[in-house]
Full PDB file with SEQRES, HELIX, SHEET, SSBOND, CRYST1, ORIGX, SCALE, CONECT and MASTER records, all heavy atoms in Angstrom:
SEQRES   1 A   39  TYR VAL ASN GLU ARG TYR SER ALA VAL ALA SER GLN LEU          
SEQRES   2 A   39  LYS ALA LYS GLY TYR THR VAL HIS LYS LYS GLU VAL ALA          
SEQRES   3 A   39  SER ASP GLU TYR PRO THR GLY TYR ILE VAL SER GLN ASN          
HELIX    1 AA1 TYR A    6  LYS A   16  1                                  11    
CRYST1    1.000    1.000    1.000  90.00  90.00  90.00 P 1           1          
ORIGX1      1.000000  0.000000  0.000000        0.00000                         
ORIGX2      0.000000  1.000000  0.000000        0.00000                         
ORIGX3      0.000000  0.000000  1.000000        0.00000                         
SCALE1      1.000000  0.000000  0.000000        0.00000                         
SCALE2      0.000000  1.000000  0.000000        0.00000                         
SCALE3      0.000000  0.000000  1.000000        0.00000                         
ATOM      1  N   TYR A   1     155.513  93.112  47.419  1.00  0.00           N  
ATOM      2  CA  TYR A   1     156.164  94.297  46.879  1.00  0.00           C  
ATOM      3  C   TYR A   1     156.177  95.464  47.865  1.00  0.00           C  
ATOM      4  O   TYR A   1     156.535  96.584  47.493  1.00  0.00           O  
ATOM      5  CB  TYR A   1     155.467  94.728  45.583  1.00  0.00           C  
ATOM      6  CG  TYR A   1     155.517  93.662  44.519  1.00  0.00           C  
ATOM      7  CD1 TYR A   1     154.412  92.838  44.278  1.00  0.00           C  
ATOM      8  CD2 TYR A   1     156.672  93.444  43.777  1.00  0.00           C  
ATOM      9  CE1 TYR A   1     154.460  91.842  43.318  1.00  0.00           C  
ATOM     10  CE2 TYR A   1     156.728  92.451  42.819  1.00  0.00           C  
ATOM     11  CZ  TYR A   1     155.620  91.660  42.592  1.00  0.00           C  
ATOM     12  OH  TYR A   1     155.675  90.667  41.642  1.00  0.00           O  
ATOM     13  N   VAL A   2     155.796  95.216  49.108  1.00  0.00           N  
ATOM     14  CA  VAL A   2     155.791  96.268  50.119  1.00  0.00           C  
ATOM     15  C   VAL A   2     157.224  96.757  50.357  1.00  0.00           C  
ATOM     16  O   VAL A   2     158.166  95.966  50.407  1.00  0.00           O  
ATOM     17  CB  VAL A   2     155.166  95.765  51.435  1.00  0.00           C  
ATOM     18  CG1 VAL A   2     155.315  96.804  52.538  1.00  0.00           C  
ATOM     19  CG2 VAL A   2     153.697  95.439  51.218  1.00  0.00           C  
ATOM     20  N   ASN A   3     157.371  98.078  50.482  1.00  0.00           N  
ATOM     21  CA  ASN A   3     158.659  98.736  50.709  1.00  0.00           C  
ATOM     22  C   ASN A   3     159.557  98.699  49.474  1.00  0.00           C  
ATOM     23  O   ASN A   3     160.768  98.833  49.580  1.00  0.00           O  
ATOM     24  CB  ASN A   3     159.406  98.143  51.905  1.00  0.00           C  
ATOM     25  CG  ASN A   3     160.415  99.140  52.479  1.00  0.00           C  
ATOM     26  OD1 ASN A   3     160.250 100.342  52.350  1.00  0.00           O  
ATOM     27  ND2 ASN A   3     161.460  98.634  53.105  1.00  0.00           N  
ATOM     28  N   GLU A   4     158.956  98.518  48.282  1.00  0.00           N  
ATOM     29  CA  GLU A   4     159.699  98.655  47.039  1.00  0.00           C  
ATOM     30  C   GLU A   4     159.172  99.866  46.291  1.00  0.00           C  
ATOM     31  O   GLU A   4     158.048 100.308  46.489  1.00  0.00           O  
ATOM     32  CB  GLU A   4     159.575  97.390  46.185  1.00  0.00           C  
ATOM     33  CG  GLU A   4     160.238  96.177  46.812  1.00  0.00           C  
ATOM     34  CD  GLU A   4     160.538  95.092  45.796  1.00  0.00           C  
ATOM     35  OE1 GLU A   4     160.700  95.423  44.612  1.00  0.00           O  
ATOM     36  OE2 GLU A   4     160.587  93.913  46.186  1.00  0.00           O  
ATOM     37  N   ARG A   5     159.998 100.398  45.387  1.00  0.00           N  
ATOM     38  CA  ARG A   5     159.632 101.613  44.656  1.00  0.00           C  
ATOM     39  C   ARG A   5     158.487 101.318  43.685  1.00  0.00           C  
ATOM     40  O   ARG A   5     158.576 100.417  42.861  1.00  0.00           O  
ATOM     41  CB  ARG A   5     160.840 102.158  43.901  1.00  0.00           C  
ATOM     42  CG  ARG A   5     160.666 103.587  43.416  1.00  0.00           C  
ATOM     43  CD  ARG A   5     161.973 104.091  42.808  1.00  0.00           C  
ATOM     44  NE  ARG A   5     161.892 105.505  42.431  1.00  0.00           N  
ATOM     45  CZ  ARG A   5     162.103 106.500  43.246  1.00  0.00           C  
ATOM     46  NH1 ARG A   5     162.432 106.248  44.503  1.00  0.00           N  
ATOM     47  NH2 ARG A   5     162.003 107.756  42.852  1.00  0.00           N  
ATOM     48  N   TYR A   6     157.408 102.081  43.802  1.00  0.00           N  
ATOM     49  CA  TYR A   6     156.205 101.812  43.020  1.00  0.00           C  
ATOM     50  C   TYR A   6     156.459 101.860  41.522  1.00  0.00           C  
ATOM     51  O   TYR A   6     155.989 100.993  40.773  1.00  0.00           O  
ATOM     52  CB  TYR A   6     155.106 102.822  43.379  1.00  0.00           C  
ATOM     53  CG  TYR A   6     153.917 102.769  42.439  1.00  0.00           C  
ATOM     54  CD1 TYR A   6     152.962 101.764  42.543  1.00  0.00           C  
ATOM     55  CD2 TYR A   6     153.769 103.716  41.424  1.00  0.00           C  
ATOM     56  CE1 TYR A   6     151.889 101.700  41.668  1.00  0.00           C  
ATOM     57  CE2 TYR A   6     152.697 103.661  40.546  1.00  0.00           C  
ATOM     58  CZ  TYR A   6     151.762 102.650  40.679  1.00  0.00           C  
ATOM     59  OH  TYR A   6     150.713 102.578  39.799  1.00  0.00           O  
ATOM     60  N   SER A   7     157.208 102.849  41.056  1.00  0.00           N  
ATOM     61  CA  SER A   7     157.412 103.014  39.617  1.00  0.00           C  
ATOM     62  C   SER A   7     158.053 101.777  39.000  1.00  0.00           C  
ATOM     63  O   SER A   7     157.642 101.333  37.923  1.00  0.00           O  
ATOM     64  CB  SER A   7     158.271 104.250  39.345  1.00  0.00           C  
ATOM     65  OG  SER A   7     159.527 104.144  40.007  1.00  0.00           O  
ATOM     66  N   ALA A   8     159.057 101.206  39.688  1.00  0.00           N  
ATOM     67  CA  ALA A   8     159.741 100.020  39.155  1.00  0.00           C  
ATOM     68  C   ALA A   8     158.819  98.805  39.175  1.00  0.00           C  
ATOM     69  O   ALA A   8     158.764  98.025  38.221  1.00  0.00           O  
ATOM     70  CB  ALA A   8     161.009  99.740  39.961  1.00  0.00           C  
ATOM     71  N   VAL A   9     158.082  98.619  40.280  1.00  0.00           N  
ATOM     72  CA  VAL A   9     157.174  97.467  40.403  1.00  0.00           C  
ATOM     73  C   VAL A   9     156.054  97.564  39.376  1.00  0.00           C  
ATOM     74  O   VAL A   9     155.721  96.576  38.703  1.00  0.00           O  
ATOM     75  CB  VAL A   9     156.589  97.384  41.833  1.00  0.00           C  
ATOM     76  CG1 VAL A   9     155.506  96.314  41.907  1.00  0.00           C  
ATOM     77  CG2 VAL A   9     157.697  97.078  42.829  1.00  0.00           C  
ATOM     78  N   ALA A  10     155.449  98.735  39.234  1.00  0.00           N  
ATOM     79  CA  ALA A  10     154.356  98.906  38.284  1.00  0.00           C  
ATOM     80  C   ALA A  10     154.804  98.603  36.864  1.00  0.00           C  
ATOM     81  O   ALA A  10     154.100  97.927  36.099  1.00  0.00           O  
ATOM     82  CB  ALA A  10     153.801 100.326  38.380  1.00  0.00           C  
ATOM     83  N   SER A  11     155.980  99.072  36.496  1.00  0.00           N  
ATOM     84  CA  SER A  11     156.511  98.824  35.154  1.00  0.00           C  
ATOM     85  C   SER A  11     156.722  97.333  34.920  1.00  0.00           C  
ATOM     86  O   SER A  11     156.375  96.792  33.863  1.00  0.00           O  
ATOM     87  CB  SER A  11     157.827  99.583  34.971  1.00  0.00           C  
ATOM     88  OG  SER A  11     158.392  99.296  33.723  1.00  0.00           O  
ATOM     89  N   GLN A  12     157.264  96.660  35.927  1.00  0.00           N  
ATOM     90  CA  GLN A  12     157.533  95.225  35.818  1.00  0.00           C  
ATOM     91  C   GLN A  12     156.243  94.419  35.688  1.00  0.00           C  
ATOM     92  O   GLN A  12     156.137  93.529  34.838  1.00  0.00           O  
ATOM     93  CB  GLN A  12     158.318  94.770  37.052  1.00  0.00           C  
ATOM     94  CG  GLN A  12     158.643  93.279  37.074  1.00  0.00           C  
ATOM     95  CD  GLN A  12     159.354  92.888  38.366  1.00  0.00           C  
ATOM     96  OE1 GLN A  12     159.764  93.732  39.142  1.00  0.00           O  
ATOM     97  NE2 GLN A  12     159.463  91.607  38.601  1.00  0.00           N  
ATOM     98  N   LEU A  13     155.239  94.747  36.492  1.00  0.00           N  
ATOM     99  CA  LEU A  13     153.977  93.993  36.470  1.00  0.00           C  
ATOM    100  C   LEU A  13     153.166  94.282  35.208  1.00  0.00           C  
ATOM    101  O   LEU A  13     152.537  93.388  34.643  1.00  0.00           O  
ATOM    102  CB  LEU A  13     153.159  94.313  37.721  1.00  0.00           C  
ATOM    103  CG  LEU A  13     153.750  93.844  39.057  1.00  0.00           C  
ATOM    104  CD1 LEU A  13     152.796  94.142  40.208  1.00  0.00           C  
ATOM    105  CD2 LEU A  13     154.079  92.356  39.023  1.00  0.00           C  
ATOM    106  N   LYS A  14     153.171  95.519  34.762  1.00  0.00           N  
ATOM    107  CA  LYS A  14     152.445  95.854  33.538  1.00  0.00           C  
ATOM    108  C   LYS A  14     153.016  95.109  32.338  1.00  0.00           C  
ATOM    109  O   LYS A  14     152.268  94.696  31.438  1.00  0.00           O  
ATOM    110  CB  LYS A  14     152.489  97.364  33.294  1.00  0.00           C  
ATOM    111  CG  LYS A  14     151.603  98.168  34.239  1.00  0.00           C  
ATOM    112  CD  LYS A  14     151.757  99.678  34.002  1.00  0.00           C  
ATOM    113  CE  LYS A  14     150.880 100.469  34.965  1.00  0.00           C  
ATOM    114  NZ  LYS A  14     151.066 101.943  34.794  1.00  0.00           N  
ATOM    115  N   ALA A  15     154.339  94.920  32.338  1.00  0.00           N  
ATOM    116  CA  ALA A  15     154.973  94.172  31.247  1.00  0.00           C  
ATOM    117  C   ALA A  15     154.500  92.719  31.219  1.00  0.00           C  
ATOM    118  O   ALA A  15     154.488  92.081  30.167  1.00  0.00           O  
ATOM    119  CB  ALA A  15     156.498  94.228  31.388  1.00  0.00           C  
ATOM    120  N   LYS A  16     154.106  92.201  32.375  1.00  0.00           N  
ATOM    121  CA  LYS A  16     153.597  90.828  32.449  1.00  0.00           C  
ATOM    122  C   LYS A  16     152.113  90.727  32.132  1.00  0.00           C  
ATOM    123  O   LYS A  16     151.579  89.620  32.015  1.00  0.00           O  
ATOM    124  CB  LYS A  16     153.839  90.260  33.859  1.00  0.00           C  
ATOM    125  CG  LYS A  16     155.296  89.999  34.194  1.00  0.00           C  
ATOM    126  CD  LYS A  16     155.390  89.360  35.571  1.00  0.00           C  
ATOM    127  CE  LYS A  16     156.819  88.994  35.920  1.00  0.00           C  
ATOM    128  NZ  LYS A  16     156.900  88.330  37.253  1.00  0.00           N  
ATOM    129  N   GLY A  17     151.428  91.864  32.039  1.00  0.00           N  
ATOM    130  CA  GLY A  17     150.005  91.844  31.714  1.00  0.00           C  
ATOM    131  C   GLY A  17     149.086  92.256  32.837  1.00  0.00           C  
ATOM    132  O   GLY A  17     147.863  92.301  32.663  1.00  0.00           O  
ATOM    133  N   TYR A  18     149.628  92.584  34.010  1.00  0.00           N  
ATOM    134  CA  TYR A  18     148.800  93.016  35.135  1.00  0.00           C  
ATOM    135  C   TYR A  18     148.203  94.401  34.867  1.00  0.00           C  
ATOM    136  O   TYR A  18     148.792  95.222  34.168  1.00  0.00           O  
ATOM    137  CB  TYR A  18     149.625  93.104  36.421  1.00  0.00           C  
ATOM    138  CG  TYR A  18     150.017  91.781  37.031  1.00  0.00           C  
ATOM    139  CD1 TYR A  18     151.203  91.149  36.665  1.00  0.00           C  
ATOM    140  CD2 TYR A  18     149.217  91.171  37.994  1.00  0.00           C  
ATOM    141  CE1 TYR A  18     151.588  89.938  37.230  1.00  0.00           C  
ATOM    142  CE2 TYR A  18     149.594  89.963  38.574  1.00  0.00           C  
ATOM    143  CZ  TYR A  18     150.774  89.350  38.186  1.00  0.00           C  
ATOM    144  OH  TYR A  18     151.136  88.153  38.749  1.00  0.00           O  
ATOM    145  N   THR A  19     147.040  94.637  35.457  1.00  0.00           N  
ATOM    146  CA  THR A  19     146.471  95.983  35.510  1.00  0.00           C  
ATOM    147  C   THR A  19     146.808  96.550  36.883  1.00  0.00           C  
ATOM    148  O   THR A  19     146.489  95.938  37.905  1.00  0.00           O  
ATOM    149  CB  THR A  19     144.949  95.962  35.311  1.00  0.00           C  
ATOM    150  OG1 THR A  19     144.660  95.394  34.025  1.00  0.00           O  
ATOM    151  CG2 THR A  19     144.374  97.364  35.367  1.00  0.00           C  
ATOM    152  N   VAL A  20     147.476  97.702  36.909  1.00  0.00           N  
ATOM    153  CA  VAL A  20     148.006  98.245  38.164  1.00  0.00           C  
ATOM    154  C   VAL A  20     147.354  99.591  38.474  1.00  0.00           C  
ATOM    155  O   VAL A  20     147.328 100.486  37.618  1.00  0.00           O  
ATOM    156  CB  VAL A  20     149.531  98.408  38.096  1.00  0.00           C  
ATOM    157  CG1 VAL A  20     150.072  98.926  39.422  1.00  0.00           C  
ATOM    158  CG2 VAL A  20     150.196  97.087  37.729  1.00  0.00           C  
ATOM    159  N   HIS A  21     146.803  99.696  39.703  1.00  0.00           N  
ATOM    160  CA  HIS A  21     146.221 100.956  40.169  1.00  0.00           C  
ATOM    161  C   HIS A  21     147.027 101.463  41.367  1.00  0.00           C  
ATOM    162  O   HIS A  21     147.673 100.686  42.079  1.00  0.00           O  
ATOM    163  CB  HIS A  21     144.762 100.777  40.574  1.00  0.00           C  
ATOM    164  CG  HIS A  21     143.858 100.460  39.417  1.00  0.00           C  
ATOM    165  ND1 HIS A  21     143.930 101.111  38.216  1.00  0.00           N  
ATOM    166  CD2 HIS A  21     142.863  99.543  39.292  1.00  0.00           C  
ATOM    167  CE1 HIS A  21     143.022 100.626  37.387  1.00  0.00           C  
ATOM    168  NE2 HIS A  21     142.366  99.651  38.007  1.00  0.00           N  
ATOM    169  N   LYS A  22     146.944 102.774  41.586  1.00  0.00           N  
ATOM    170  CA  LYS A  22     147.727 103.412  42.641  1.00  0.00           C  
ATOM    171  C   LYS A  22     146.828 104.242  43.554  1.00  0.00           C  
ATOM    172  O   LYS A  22     145.975 104.982  43.094  1.00  0.00           O  
ATOM    173  CB  LYS A  22     148.792 104.310  41.997  1.00  0.00           C  
ATOM    174  CG  LYS A  22     149.642 105.123  42.955  1.00  0.00           C  
ATOM    175  CD  LYS A  22     150.587 106.004  42.139  1.00  0.00           C  
ATOM    176  CE  LYS A  22     151.477 106.867  43.020  1.00  0.00           C  
ATOM    177  NZ  LYS A  22     152.348 107.755  42.203  1.00  0.00           N  
ATOM    178  N   LYS A  23     147.027 104.071  44.860  1.00  0.00           N  
ATOM    179  CA  LYS A  23     146.328 104.883  45.856  1.00  0.00           C  
ATOM    180  C   LYS A  23     147.390 105.503  46.762  1.00  0.00           C  
ATOM    181  O   LYS A  23     148.262 104.792  47.259  1.00  0.00           O  
ATOM    182  CB  LYS A  23     145.357 104.018  46.680  1.00  0.00           C  
ATOM    183  CG  LYS A  23     144.513 104.833  47.655  1.00  0.00           C  
ATOM    184  CD  LYS A  23     143.441 103.961  48.305  1.00  0.00           C  
ATOM    185  CE  LYS A  23     144.043 102.998  49.298  1.00  0.00           C  
ATOM    186  NZ  LYS A  23     143.022 102.252  50.065  1.00  0.00           N  
ATOM    187  N   GLU A  24     147.321 106.810  46.975  1.00  0.00           N  
ATOM    188  CA  GLU A  24     148.366 107.501  47.727  1.00  0.00           C  
ATOM    189  C   GLU A  24     147.938 107.769  49.168  1.00  0.00           C  
ATOM    190  O   GLU A  24     146.753 107.999  49.449  1.00  0.00           O  
ATOM    191  CB  GLU A  24     148.724 108.820  47.039  1.00  0.00           C  
ATOM    192  CG  GLU A  24     149.370 108.628  45.678  1.00  0.00           C  
ATOM    193  CD  GLU A  24     149.812 109.918  45.039  1.00  0.00           C  
ATOM    194  OE1 GLU A  24     149.154 110.952  45.297  1.00  0.00           O  
ATOM    195  OE2 GLU A  24     150.809 109.900  44.297  1.00  0.00           O  
ATOM    196  N   VAL A  25     148.927 107.733  50.073  1.00  0.00           N  
ATOM    197  CA  VAL A  25     148.672 107.981  51.488  1.00  0.00           C  
ATOM    198  C   VAL A  25     149.947 108.529  52.129  1.00  0.00           C  
ATOM    199  O   VAL A  25     151.057 108.150  51.734  1.00  0.00           O  
ATOM    200  CB  VAL A  25     148.218 106.680  52.204  1.00  0.00           C  
ATOM    201  CG1 VAL A  25     149.336 105.653  52.215  1.00  0.00           C  
ATOM    202  CG2 VAL A  25     147.746 106.971  53.623  1.00  0.00           C  
ATOM    203  N   ALA A  26     149.810 109.417  53.086  1.00  0.00           N  
ATOM    204  CA  ALA A  26     150.975 109.933  53.819  1.00  0.00           C  
ATOM    205  C   ALA A  26     151.493 108.849  54.752  1.00  0.00           C  
ATOM    206  O   ALA A  26     150.720 108.075  55.324  1.00  0.00           O  
ATOM    207  CB  ALA A  26     150.587 111.179  54.610  1.00  0.00           C  
ATOM    208  N   SER A  27     152.808 108.774  54.899  1.00  0.00           N  
ATOM    209  CA  SER A  27     153.398 107.739  55.749  1.00  0.00           C  
ATOM    210  C   SER A  27     154.690 108.247  56.360  1.00  0.00           C  
ATOM    211  O   SER A  27     155.544 108.790  55.662  1.00  0.00           O  
ATOM    212  CB  SER A  27     153.672 106.471  54.933  1.00  0.00           C  
ATOM    213  OG  SER A  27     154.395 105.535  55.698  1.00  0.00           O  
ATOM    214  N   ASP A  28     154.846 108.039  57.674  1.00  0.00           N  
ATOM    215  CA  ASP A  28     156.084 108.397  58.354  1.00  0.00           C  
ATOM    216  C   ASP A  28     157.094 107.256  58.276  1.00  0.00           C  
ATOM    217  O   ASP A  28     158.268 107.445  58.573  1.00  0.00           O  
ATOM    218  CB  ASP A  28     155.811 108.728  59.828  1.00  0.00           C  
ATOM    219  CG  ASP A  28     154.948 109.986  59.978  1.00  0.00           C  
ATOM    220  OD1 ASP A  28     155.000 110.838  59.084  1.00  0.00           O  
ATOM    221  OD2 ASP A  28     154.218 110.088  60.982  1.00  0.00           O  
ATOM    222  N   GLU A  29     156.626 106.077  57.902  1.00  0.00           N  
ATOM    223  CA  GLU A  29     157.481 104.886  57.893  1.00  0.00           C  
ATOM    224  C   GLU A  29     158.096 104.619  56.536  1.00  0.00           C  
ATOM    225  O   GLU A  29     159.240 104.174  56.436  1.00  0.00           O  
ATOM    226  CB  GLU A  29     156.661 103.663  58.332  1.00  0.00           C  
ATOM    227  CG  GLU A  29     157.470 102.368  58.384  1.00  0.00           C  
ATOM    228  CD  GLU A  29     156.619 101.191  58.819  1.00  0.00           C  
ATOM    229  OE1 GLU A  29     155.423 101.396  59.131  1.00  0.00           O  
ATOM    230  OE2 GLU A  29     157.149 100.071  58.851  1.00  0.00           O  
ATOM    231  N   TYR A  30     157.343 104.882  55.455  1.00  0.00           N  
ATOM    232  CA  TYR A  30     157.812 104.548  54.113  1.00  0.00           C  
ATOM    233  C   TYR A  30     158.172 105.819  53.346  1.00  0.00           C  
ATOM    234  O   TYR A  30     157.430 106.810  53.388  1.00  0.00           O  
ATOM    235  CB  TYR A  30     156.739 103.772  53.344  1.00  0.00           C  
ATOM    236  CG  TYR A  30     156.419 102.428  53.963  1.00  0.00           C  
ATOM    237  CD1 TYR A  30     155.381 102.298  54.897  1.00  0.00           C  
ATOM    238  CD2 TYR A  30     157.146 101.304  53.633  1.00  0.00           C  
ATOM    239  CE1 TYR A  30     155.090 101.075  55.469  1.00  0.00           C  
ATOM    240  CE2 TYR A  30     156.868 100.064  54.191  1.00  0.00           C  
ATOM    241  CZ  TYR A  30     155.828  99.953  55.123  1.00  0.00           C  
ATOM    242  OH  TYR A  30     155.547  98.737  55.677  1.00  0.00           O  
ATOM    243  N   PRO A  31     159.293 105.795  52.586  1.00  0.00           N  
ATOM    244  CA  PRO A  31     159.700 106.982  51.811  1.00  0.00           C  
ATOM    245  C   PRO A  31     158.707 107.288  50.690  1.00  0.00           C  
ATOM    246  O   PRO A  31     157.931 106.421  50.270  1.00  0.00           O  
ATOM    247  CB  PRO A  31     161.065 106.562  51.224  1.00  0.00           C  
ATOM    248  CG  PRO A  31     161.498 105.386  52.031  1.00  0.00           C  
ATOM    249  CD  PRO A  31     160.259 104.701  52.490  1.00  0.00           C  
ATOM    250  N   THR A  32     158.769 108.488  50.193  1.00  0.00           N  
ATOM    251  CA  THR A  32     157.914 108.907  49.086  1.00  0.00           C  
ATOM    252  C   THR A  32     158.113 107.994  47.876  1.00  0.00           C  
ATOM    253  O   THR A  32     159.245 107.709  47.482  1.00  0.00           O  
ATOM    254  CB  THR A  32     158.238 110.360  48.672  1.00  0.00           C  
ATOM    255  OG1 THR A  32     158.054 111.206  49.804  1.00  0.00           O  
ATOM    256  CG2 THR A  32     157.338 110.816  47.546  1.00  0.00           C  
ATOM    257  N   GLY A  33     156.991 107.546  47.303  1.00  0.00           N  
ATOM    258  CA  GLY A  33     157.062 106.710  46.109  1.00  0.00           C  
ATOM    259  C   GLY A  33     157.211 105.231  46.387  1.00  0.00           C  
ATOM    260  O   GLY A  33     157.265 104.431  45.454  1.00  0.00           O  
ATOM    261  N   TYR A  34     157.245 104.833  47.663  1.00  0.00           N  
ATOM    262  CA  TYR A  34     157.401 103.413  48.007  1.00  0.00           C  
ATOM    263  C   TYR A  34     156.052 102.805  48.436  1.00  0.00           C  
ATOM    264  O   TYR A  34     155.194 103.490  48.983  1.00  0.00           O  
ATOM    265  CB  TYR A  34     158.453 103.235  49.111  1.00  0.00           C  
ATOM    266  CG  TYR A  34     159.854 103.241  48.559  1.00  0.00           C  
ATOM    267  CD1 TYR A  34     160.418 104.415  48.086  1.00  0.00           C  
ATOM    268  CD2 TYR A  34     160.593 102.077  48.474  1.00  0.00           C  
ATOM    269  CE1 TYR A  34     161.700 104.428  47.547  1.00  0.00           C  
ATOM    270  CE2 TYR A  34     161.880 102.075  47.947  1.00  0.00           C  
ATOM    271  CZ  TYR A  34     162.421 103.251  47.487  1.00  0.00           C  
ATOM    272  OH  TYR A  34     163.676 103.242  46.953  1.00  0.00           O  
ATOM    273  N   ILE A  35     155.913 101.523  48.170  1.00  0.00           N  
ATOM    274  CA  ILE A  35     154.644 100.831  48.400  1.00  0.00           C  
ATOM    275  C   ILE A  35     154.456 100.554  49.890  1.00  0.00           C  
ATOM    276  O   ILE A  35     155.321  99.977  50.551  1.00  0.00           O  
ATOM    277  CB  ILE A  35     154.592  99.519  47.601  1.00  0.00           C  
ATOM    278  CG1 ILE A  35     154.626  99.835  46.098  1.00  0.00           C  
ATOM    279  CG2 ILE A  35     153.353  98.704  47.944  1.00  0.00           C  
ATOM    280  CD1 ILE A  35     154.759  98.609  45.217  1.00  0.00           C  
ATOM    281  N   VAL A  36     153.297 100.978  50.406  1.00  0.00           N  
ATOM    282  CA  VAL A  36     152.948 100.778  51.809  1.00  0.00           C  
ATOM    283  C   VAL A  36     152.192  99.460  51.987  1.00  0.00           C  
ATOM    284  O   VAL A  36     152.417  98.721  52.945  1.00  0.00           O  
ATOM    285  CB  VAL A  36     152.100 101.962  52.325  1.00  0.00           C  
ATOM    286  CG1 VAL A  36     151.635 101.722  53.760  1.00  0.00           C  
ATOM    287  CG2 VAL A  36     152.887 103.263  52.237  1.00  0.00           C  
ATOM    288  N   SER A  37     151.273  99.152  51.070  1.00  0.00           N  
ATOM    289  CA  SER A  37     150.492  97.917  51.159  1.00  0.00           C  
ATOM    290  C   SER A  37     149.971  97.547  49.770  1.00  0.00           C  
ATOM    291  O   SER A  37     150.025  98.351  48.831  1.00  0.00           O  
ATOM    292  CB  SER A  37     149.324  98.081  52.136  1.00  0.00           C  
ATOM    293  OG  SER A  37     148.418  99.073  51.666  1.00  0.00           O  
ATOM    294  N   GLN A  38     149.472  96.317  49.645  1.00  0.00           N  
ATOM    295  CA  GLN A  38     148.909  95.828  48.387  1.00  0.00           C  
ATOM    296  C   GLN A  38     147.640  95.051  48.709  1.00  0.00           C  
ATOM    297  O   GLN A  38     147.515  94.472  49.789  1.00  0.00           O  
ATOM    298  CB  GLN A  38     149.920  94.940  47.663  1.00  0.00           C  
ATOM    299  CG  GLN A  38     150.390  93.737  48.483  1.00  0.00           C  
ATOM    300  CD  GLN A  38     151.606  93.040  47.888  1.00  0.00           C  
ATOM    301  OE1 GLN A  38     152.624  93.664  47.589  1.00  0.00           O  
ATOM    302  NE2 GLN A  38     151.483  91.735  47.702  1.00  0.00           N  
ATOM    303  N   ASN A  39     146.673  95.045  47.781  1.00  0.00           N  
ATOM    304  CA  ASN A  39     145.388  94.403  48.066  1.00  0.00           C  
ATOM    305  C   ASN A  39     145.346  92.930  47.664  1.00  0.00           C  
ATOM    306  O   ASN A  39     144.301  92.290  47.739  1.00  0.00           O  
ATOM    307  CB  ASN A  39     144.247  95.153  47.367  1.00  0.00           C  
ATOM    308  CG  ASN A  39     144.313  95.024  45.849  1.00  0.00           C  
ATOM    309  OD1 ASN A  39     145.388  94.763  45.290  1.00  0.00           O  
ATOM    310  ND2 ASN A  39     143.204  95.204  45.175  1.00  0.00           N  
TER     311      ASN A  39                                                      
MASTER        0    0    0    1    0    0    0    6  310    1    0    3          
END                                                                             
C-alpha cells in the first residue's frame, strides 16, 4: 500500500477486520496523506 492515500487504504482494511494504526513523518518524496512505509 506504499504511495497510496492512507484514508482510502485504512477504510478498506478496517472493513475487512484489520486494526490500523498511523504514524506521521515529513517526506519530500511522498505527498501529504500518502503512505510512506508499512510494518
